[in-house]
PDB file of N, CA and C in Angstrom:
ATOM      1  N   UNK A   1      97.811 110.544 125.138  1.00  0.00           N
ATOM      2  CA  UNK A   1      98.362 110.241 123.830  1.00  0.00           C
ATOM      3  C   UNK A   1      99.838 110.601 123.838  1.00  0.00           C
ATOM      4  N   UNK A   2     100.681 109.806 123.200  1.00  0.00           N
ATOM      5  CA  UNK A   2     102.111 110.080 123.189  1.00  0.00           C
ATOM      6  C   UNK A   2     102.424 111.353 122.405  1.00  0.00           C
ATOM      7  N   UNK A   3     103.562 111.905 122.686  1.00  0.00           N
ATOM      8  CA  UNK A   3     104.022 113.083 121.975  1.00  0.00           C
ATOM      9  C   UNK A   3     104.803 112.618 120.757  1.00  0.00           C
ATOM     10  N   UNK A   4     104.544 113.248 119.612  1.00  0.00           N
ATOM     11  CA  UNK A   4     105.257 112.877 118.392  1.00  0.00           C
ATOM     12  C   UNK A   4     106.745 113.106 118.578  1.00  0.00           C
ATOM     13  N   UNK A   5     107.536 112.167 118.141  1.00  0.00           N
ATOM     14  CA  UNK A   5     108.983 112.265 118.233  1.00  0.00           C
ATOM     15  C   UNK A   5     109.476 113.235 117.165  1.00  0.00           C
ATOM     16  N   UNK A   6     110.202 114.271 117.553  1.00  0.00           N
ATOM     17  CA  UNK A   6     110.678 115.252 116.593  1.00  0.00           C
ATOM     18  C   UNK A   6     111.696 114.658 115.636  1.00  0.00           C
ATOM     19  N   UNK A   7     112.269 113.528 115.984  1.00  0.00           N
ATOM     20  CA  UNK A   7     113.250 112.883 115.123  1.00  0.00           C
ATOM     21  C   UNK A   7     112.629 111.858 114.182  1.00  0.00           C
ATOM     22  N   UNK A   8     111.322 111.606 114.342  1.00  0.00           N
ATOM     23  CA  UNK A   8     110.696 110.607 113.485  1.00  0.00           C
ATOM     24  C   UNK A   8     110.534 111.169 112.071  1.00  0.00           C
ATOM     25  N   UNK A   9     110.615 110.293 111.078  1.00  0.00           N
ATOM     26  CA  UNK A   9     110.522 110.747 109.692  1.00  0.00           C
ATOM     27  C   UNK A   9     109.132 111.272 109.381  1.00  0.00           C
ATOM     28  N   UNK A  10     109.056 112.045 108.323  1.00  0.00           N
ATOM     29  CA  UNK A  10     107.766 112.550 107.869  1.00  0.00           C
ATOM     30  C   UNK A  10     106.907 111.388 107.404  1.00  0.00           C
ATOM     31  N   UNK A  11     105.629 111.656 107.229  1.00  0.00           N
ATOM     32  CA  UNK A  11     104.737 110.608 106.765  1.00  0.00           C
ATOM     33  C   UNK A  11     105.155 110.152 105.375  1.00  0.00           C
ATOM     34  N   UNK A  12     104.892 108.915 105.082  1.00  0.00           N
ATOM     35  CA  UNK A  12     105.227 108.345 103.788  1.00  0.00           C
ATOM     36  C   UNK A  12     104.130 108.699 102.793  1.00  0.00           C
ATOM     37  N   UNK A  13     104.509 109.336 101.705  1.00  0.00           N
ATOM     38  CA  UNK A  13     103.543 109.831 100.730  1.00  0.00           C
ATOM     39  C   UNK A  13     102.746 108.706 100.067  1.00  0.00           C
ATOM     40  N   UNK A  14     103.358 107.559  99.852  1.00  0.00           N
ATOM     41  CA  UNK A  14     102.680 106.475  99.136  1.00  0.00           C
ATOM     42  C   UNK A  14     102.091 105.420 100.050  1.00  0.00           C
ATOM     43  N   UNK A  15     101.992 105.719 101.309  1.00  0.00           N
ATOM     44  CA  UNK A  15     101.426 104.762 102.258  1.00  0.00           C
ATOM     45  C   UNK A  15      99.941 104.562 101.981  1.00  0.00           C
ATOM     46  N   UNK A  16      99.465 103.346 102.260  1.00  0.00           N
ATOM     47  CA  UNK A  16      98.058 103.010 102.050  1.00  0.00           C
ATOM     48  C   UNK A  16      97.403 102.771 103.407  1.00  0.00           C
ATOM     49  N   UNK A  17      96.240 103.363 103.602  1.00  0.00           N
ATOM     50  CA  UNK A  17      95.560 103.245 104.894  1.00  0.00           C
ATOM     51  C   UNK A  17      95.122 101.802 105.144  1.00  0.00           C
ATOM     52  N   UNK A  18      95.328 101.358 106.366  1.00  0.00           N
ATOM     53  CA  UNK A  18      94.936 100.016 106.800  1.00  0.00           C
ATOM     54  C   UNK A  18      93.537 100.116 107.395  1.00  0.00           C
ATOM     55  N   UNK A  19      92.605  99.400 106.820  1.00  0.00           N
ATOM     56  CA  UNK A  19      91.219  99.422 107.295  1.00  0.00           C
ATOM     57  C   UNK A  19      90.934  98.302 108.288  1.00  0.00           C
ATOM     58  N   UNK A  20      91.741  97.234 108.228  1.00  0.00           N
ATOM     59  CA  UNK A  20      91.552  96.098 109.124  1.00  0.00           C
ATOM     60  C   UNK A  20      92.913  95.606 109.611  1.00  0.00           C
ATOM     61  N   UNK A  21      93.033  95.426 110.903  1.00  0.00           N
ATOM     62  CA  UNK A  21      94.282  94.920 111.468  1.00  0.00           C
ATOM     63  C   UNK A  21      94.583  93.520 110.950  1.00  0.00           C
ATOM     64  N   UNK A  22      93.553  92.791 110.562  1.00  0.00           N
ATOM     65  CA  UNK A  22      93.758  91.435 110.028  1.00  0.00           C
ATOM     66  C   UNK A  22      94.607  91.424 108.760  1.00  0.00           C
ATOM     67  N   UNK A  23      94.721  92.571 108.079  1.00  0.00           N
ATOM     68  CA  UNK A  23      95.529  92.634 106.865  1.00  0.00           C
ATOM     69  C   UNK A  23      97.012  92.852 107.153  1.00  0.00           C
ATOM     70  N   UNK A  24      97.353  93.113 108.411  1.00  0.00           N
ATOM     71  CA  UNK A  24      98.754  93.321 108.779  1.00  0.00           C
ATOM     72  C   UNK A  24      99.418  92.012 109.171  1.00  0.00           C
ATOM     73  N   UNK A  25     100.698  91.916 108.850  1.00  0.00           N
ATOM     74  CA  UNK A  25     101.492  90.741 109.180  1.00  0.00           C
ATOM     75  C   UNK A  25     102.768  91.179 109.887  1.00  0.00           C
ATOM     76  N   UNK A  26     103.350  90.288 110.671  1.00  0.00           N
ATOM     77  CA  UNK A  26     104.643  90.579 111.286  1.00  0.00           C
ATOM     78  C   UNK A  26     105.636  90.966 110.201  1.00  0.00           C
ATOM     79  N   UNK A  27     106.405  92.004 110.484  1.00  0.00           N
ATOM     80  CA  UNK A  27     107.414  92.451 109.526  1.00  0.00           C
ATOM     81  C   UNK A  27     106.947  93.576 108.627  1.00  0.00           C
ATOM     82  N   UNK A  28     105.624  93.800 108.536  1.00  0.00           N
ATOM     83  CA  UNK A  28     105.121  94.923 107.739  1.00  0.00           C
ATOM     84  C   UNK A  28     105.596  96.232 108.369  1.00  0.00           C
ATOM     85  N   UNK A  29     105.868  97.223 107.546  1.00  0.00           N
ATOM     86  CA  UNK A  29     106.213  98.550 108.037  1.00  0.00           C
ATOM     87  C   UNK A  29     104.955  99.399 108.029  1.00  0.00           C
ATOM     88  N   UNK A  30     104.642  99.979 109.184  1.00  0.00           N
ATOM     89  CA  UNK A  30     103.435 100.789 109.323  1.00  0.00           C
ATOM     90  C   UNK A  30     103.747 102.112 110.011  1.00  0.00           C
ATOM     91  N   UNK A  31     102.827 103.043 109.820  1.00  0.00           N
ATOM     92  CA  UNK A  31     102.846 104.309 110.550  1.00  0.00           C
ATOM     93  C   UNK A  31     101.553 104.394 111.336  1.00  0.00           C
ATOM     94  N   UNK A  32     101.642 104.872 112.573  1.00  0.00           N
ATOM     95  CA  UNK A  32     100.463 105.136 113.399  1.00  0.00           C
ATOM     96  C   UNK A  32     100.310 106.647 113.441  1.00  0.00           C
ATOM     97  N   UNK A  33      99.191 107.131 112.889  1.00  0.00           N
ATOM     98  CA  UNK A  33      98.971 108.572 112.765  1.00  0.00           C
ATOM     99  C   UNK A  33      97.725 108.994 113.519  1.00  0.00           C
ATOM    100  N   UNK A  34      97.733 110.249 113.944  1.00  0.00           N
ATOM    101  CA  UNK A  34      96.565 110.866 114.555  1.00  0.00           C
ATOM    102  C   UNK A  34      96.612 112.352 114.230  1.00  0.00           C
ATOM    103  N   UNK A  35      95.516 112.862 113.709  1.00  0.00           N
ATOM    104  CA  UNK A  35      95.458 114.279 113.392  1.00  0.00           C
ATOM    105  C   UNK A  35      96.499 114.735 112.391  1.00  0.00           C
ATOM    106  N   UNK A  36      96.882 113.872 111.460  1.00  0.00           N
ATOM    107  CA  UNK A  36      97.869 114.231 110.453  1.00  0.00           C
ATOM    108  C   UNK A  36      99.312 114.147 110.917  1.00  0.00           C
ATOM    109  N   UNK A  37      99.528 113.712 112.149  1.00  0.00           N
ATOM    110  CA  UNK A  37     100.884 113.582 112.699  1.00  0.00           C
ATOM    111  C   UNK A  37     101.227 112.108 112.854  1.00  0.00           C
ATOM    112  N   UNK A  38     102.428 111.735 112.441  1.00  0.00           N
ATOM    113  CA  UNK A  38     102.904 110.369 112.632  1.00  0.00           C
ATOM    114  C   UNK A  38     103.541 110.265 114.010  1.00  0.00           C
ATOM    115  N   UNK A  39     102.988 109.384 114.848  1.00  0.00           N
ATOM    116  CA  UNK A  39     103.503 109.187 116.200  1.00  0.00           C
ATOM    117  C   UNK A  39     104.470 108.021 116.276  1.00  0.00           C
ATOM    118  N   UNK A  40     104.215 106.972 115.494  1.00  0.00           N
ATOM    119  CA  UNK A  40     105.089 105.811 115.482  1.00  0.00           C
ATOM    120  C   UNK A  40     105.259 105.352 114.045  1.00  0.00           C
ATOM    121  N   UNK A  41     106.465 104.896 113.715  1.00  0.00           N
ATOM    122  CA  UNK A  41     106.724 104.290 112.414  1.00  0.00           C
ATOM    123  C   UNK A  41     107.687 103.151 112.658  1.00  0.00           C
ATOM    124  N   UNK A  42     107.312 101.969 112.182  1.00  0.00           N
ATOM    125  CA  UNK A  42     108.203 100.847 112.388  1.00  0.00           C
ATOM    126  C   UNK A  42     107.588  99.539 111.951  1.00  0.00           C
ATOM    127  N   UNK A  43     108.204  98.464 112.422  1.00  0.00           N
ATOM    128  CA  UNK A  43     107.838  97.106 112.024  1.00  0.00           C
ATOM    129  C   UNK A  43     106.776  96.530 112.954  1.00  0.00           C
ATOM    130  N   UNK A  44     105.788  95.883 112.345  1.00  0.00           N
ATOM    131  CA  UNK A  44     104.755  95.197 113.125  1.00  0.00           C
ATOM    132  C   UNK A  44     105.395  93.999 113.817  1.00  0.00           C
ATOM    133  N   UNK A  45     105.236  93.940 115.135  1.00  0.00           N
ATOM    134  CA  UNK A  45     105.752  92.829 115.925  1.00  0.00           C
ATOM    135  C   UNK A  45     104.667  91.792 116.192  1.00  0.00           C
ATOM    136  N   UNK A  46     103.446  92.276 116.425  1.00  0.00           N
ATOM    137  CA  UNK A  46     102.325  91.389 116.746  1.00  0.00           C
ATOM    138  C   UNK A  46     101.030  92.157 116.542  1.00  0.00           C
ATOM    139  N   UNK A  47      99.935  91.428 116.415  1.00  0.00           N
ATOM    140  CA  UNK A  47      98.619  92.051 116.277  1.00  0.00           C
ATOM    141  C   UNK A  47      97.619  91.349 117.192  1.00  0.00           C
ATOM    142  N   UNK A  48      96.601  92.097 117.586  1.00  0.00           N
ATOM    143  CA  UNK A  48      95.484  91.549 118.351  1.00  0.00           C
ATOM    144  C   UNK A  48      94.212  92.122 117.737  1.00  0.00           C
ATOM    145  N   UNK A  49      93.714  91.490 116.660  1.00  0.00           N
ATOM    146  CA  UNK A  49      92.544  92.019 115.969  1.00  0.00           C
ATOM    147  C   UNK A  49      91.334  92.208 116.879  1.00  0.00           C
ATOM    148  N   UNK A  50      91.133  91.314 117.845  1.00  0.00           N
ATOM    149  CA  UNK A  50      89.997  91.436 118.756  1.00  0.00           C
ATOM    150  C   UNK A  50      90.073  92.670 119.643  1.00  0.00           C
ATOM    151  N   UNK A  51      91.283  93.169 119.861  1.00  0.00           N
ATOM    152  CA  UNK A  51      91.493  94.371 120.669  1.00  0.00           C
ATOM    153  C   UNK A  51      91.766  95.603 119.806  1.00  0.00           C
ATOM    154  N   UNK A  52      91.797  95.417 118.480  1.00  0.00           N
ATOM    155  CA  UNK A  52      92.133  96.496 117.537  1.00  0.00           C
ATOM    156  C   UNK A  52      93.496  97.104 117.865  1.00  0.00           C
ATOM    157  N   UNK A  53      94.450  96.246 118.228  1.00  0.00           N
ATOM    158  CA  UNK A  53      95.757  96.716 118.675  1.00  0.00           C
ATOM    159  C   UNK A  53      96.889  96.094 117.864  1.00  0.00           C
ATOM    160  N   UNK A  54      97.903  96.917 117.616  1.00  0.00           N
ATOM    161  CA  UNK A  54      99.105  96.491 116.907  1.00  0.00           C
ATOM    162  C   UNK A  54     100.307  96.839 117.777  1.00  0.00           C
ATOM    163  N   UNK A  55     101.263  95.930 117.884  1.00  0.00           N
ATOM    164  CA  UNK A  55     102.515  96.221 118.558  1.00  0.00           C
ATOM    165  C   UNK A  55     103.542  96.544 117.484  1.00  0.00           C
ATOM    166  N   UNK A  56     104.148  97.715 117.630  1.00  0.00           N
ATOM    167  CA  UNK A  56     105.093  98.229 116.638  1.00  0.00           C
ATOM    168  C   UNK A  56     106.452  98.426 117.303  1.00  0.00           C
ATOM    169  N   UNK A  57     107.518  98.003 116.616  1.00  0.00           N
ATOM    170  CA  UNK A  57     108.886  98.303 117.054  1.00  0.00           C
ATOM    171  C   UNK A  57     109.251  99.623 116.380  1.00  0.00           C
ATOM    172  N   UNK A  58     109.184 100.717 117.143  1.00  0.00           N
ATOM    173  CA  UNK A  58     109.409 102.054 116.593  1.00  0.00           C
ATOM    174  C   UNK A  58     110.841 102.192 116.094  1.00  0.00           C
ATOM    175  N   UNK A  59     111.002 102.601 114.834  1.00  0.00           N
ATOM    176  CA  UNK A  59     112.339 102.641 114.255  1.00  0.00           C
ATOM    177  C   UNK A  59     113.188 103.801 114.779  1.00  0.00           C
ATOM    178  N   UNK A  60     112.567 104.843 115.310  1.00  0.00           N
ATOM    179  CA  UNK A  60     113.370 105.959 115.815  1.00  0.00           C
ATOM    180  C   UNK A  60     113.866 105.728 117.244  1.00  0.00           C
ATOM    181  N   UNK A  61     113.114 104.963 118.039  1.00  0.00           N
ATOM    182  CA  UNK A  61     113.504 104.739 119.438  1.00  0.00           C
ATOM    183  C   UNK A  61     113.900 103.296 119.727  1.00  0.00           C
ATOM    184  N   UNK A  62     113.432 102.373 118.893  1.00  0.00           N
ATOM    185  CA  UNK A  62     113.692 100.951 119.133  1.00  0.00           C
ATOM    186  C   UNK A  62     112.755 100.331 120.150  1.00  0.00           C
ATOM    187  N   UNK A  63     111.842 101.131 120.695  1.00  0.00           N
ATOM    188  CA  UNK A  63     110.913 100.628 121.701  1.00  0.00           C
ATOM    189  C   UNK A  63     109.725  99.925 121.064  1.00  0.00           C
ATOM    190  N   UNK A  64     109.221  98.924 121.752  1.00  0.00           N
ATOM    191  CA  UNK A  64     108.020  98.202 121.307  1.00  0.00           C
ATOM    192  C   UNK A  64     106.816  98.903 121.922  1.00  0.00           C
ATOM    193  N   UNK A  65     105.883  99.332 121.068  1.00  0.00           N
ATOM    194  CA  UNK A  65     104.747 100.128 121.516  1.00  0.00           C
ATOM    195  C   UNK A  65     103.444  99.517 121.035  1.00  0.00           C
ATOM    196  N   UNK A  66     102.446  99.494 121.900  1.00  0.00           N
ATOM    197  CA  UNK A  66     101.106  99.055 121.522  1.00  0.00           C
ATOM    198  C   UNK A  66     100.329 100.283 121.069  1.00  0.00           C
ATOM    199  N   UNK A  67      99.690 100.173 119.914  1.00  0.00           N
ATOM    200  CA  UNK A  67      98.879 101.269 119.383  1.00  0.00           C
ATOM    201  C   UNK A  67      97.528 100.701 118.961  1.00  0.00           C
ATOM    202  N   UNK A  68      96.470 101.420 119.286  1.00  0.00           N
ATOM    203  CA  UNK A  68      95.111 100.954 119.029  1.00  0.00           C
ATOM    204  C   UNK A  68      94.455 101.743 117.902  1.00  0.00           C
ATOM    205  N   UNK A  69      93.610 101.052 117.141  1.00  0.00           N
ATOM    206  CA  UNK A  69      92.844 101.727 116.090  1.00  0.00           C
ATOM    207  C   UNK A  69      91.833 102.707 116.683  1.00  0.00           C
ATOM    208  N   UNK A  70      91.584 102.611 117.985  1.00  0.00           N
ATOM    209  CA  UNK A  70      90.703 103.574 118.649  1.00  0.00           C
ATOM    210  C   UNK A  70      91.379 104.945 118.737  1.00  0.00           C
ATOM    211  N   UNK A  71      92.710 104.964 118.761  1.00  0.00           N
ATOM    212  CA  UNK A  71      93.464 106.202 118.924  1.00  0.00           C
ATOM    213  C   UNK A  71      94.204 106.650 117.667  1.00  0.00           C
ATOM    214  N   UNK A  72      94.502 105.723 116.777  1.00  0.00           N
ATOM    215  CA  UNK A  72      95.338 106.018 115.610  1.00  0.00           C
ATOM    216  C   UNK A  72      94.728 105.447 114.340  1.00  0.00           C
ATOM    217  N   UNK A  73      95.144 106.025 113.211  1.00  0.00           N
ATOM    218  CA  UNK A  73      94.919 105.364 111.926  1.00  0.00           C
ATOM    219  C   UNK A  73      96.262 104.742 111.555  1.00  0.00           C
ATOM    220  N   UNK A  74      96.208 103.592 110.899  1.00  0.00           N
ATOM    221  CA  UNK A  74      97.426 102.903 110.501  1.00  0.00           C
ATOM    222  C   UNK A  74      97.595 102.990 108.997  1.00  0.00           C
ATOM    223  N   UNK A  75      98.834 103.183 108.606  1.00  0.00           N
ATOM    224  CA  UNK A  75      99.186 103.320 107.200  1.00  0.00           C
ATOM    225  C   UNK A  75     100.335 102.380 106.904  1.00  0.00           C
ATOM    226  N   UNK A  76     100.159 101.548 105.880  1.00  0.00           N
ATOM    227  CA  UNK A  76     101.179 100.572 105.498  1.00  0.00           C
ATOM    228  C   UNK A  76     102.091 101.206 104.448  1.00  0.00           C
ATOM    229  N   UNK A  77     103.376 101.186 104.736  1.00  0.00           N
ATOM    230  CA  UNK A  77     104.347 101.806 103.835  1.00  0.00           C
ATOM    231  C   UNK A  77     104.729 100.893 102.695  1.00  0.00           C
TER     232      UNK A  77
END
C-alpha cells in the first residue's frame, strides 16, 4: 500500500462516500482513503468498473495512479 503523502490535504469534511465506481465520471474530484487516511486526492481520469479500479491524477504529485475499491474507499468531494 502506498505511503500517505505528508503534503496532501486533509480529508474533505463534506465528501460523500462512493458505493459504485459506475457513479464516477471523468473530471470528478475524489479521495482514496484507507483506515481514515487519505492516500490520493485528485481528478478521475478513467474508470474500470469491472476491475473496481479508478485512475486518479493526484493533485499533490501530478502522477496518474490506479486505485482499487479492494484497497480503498472512495469519497467524492
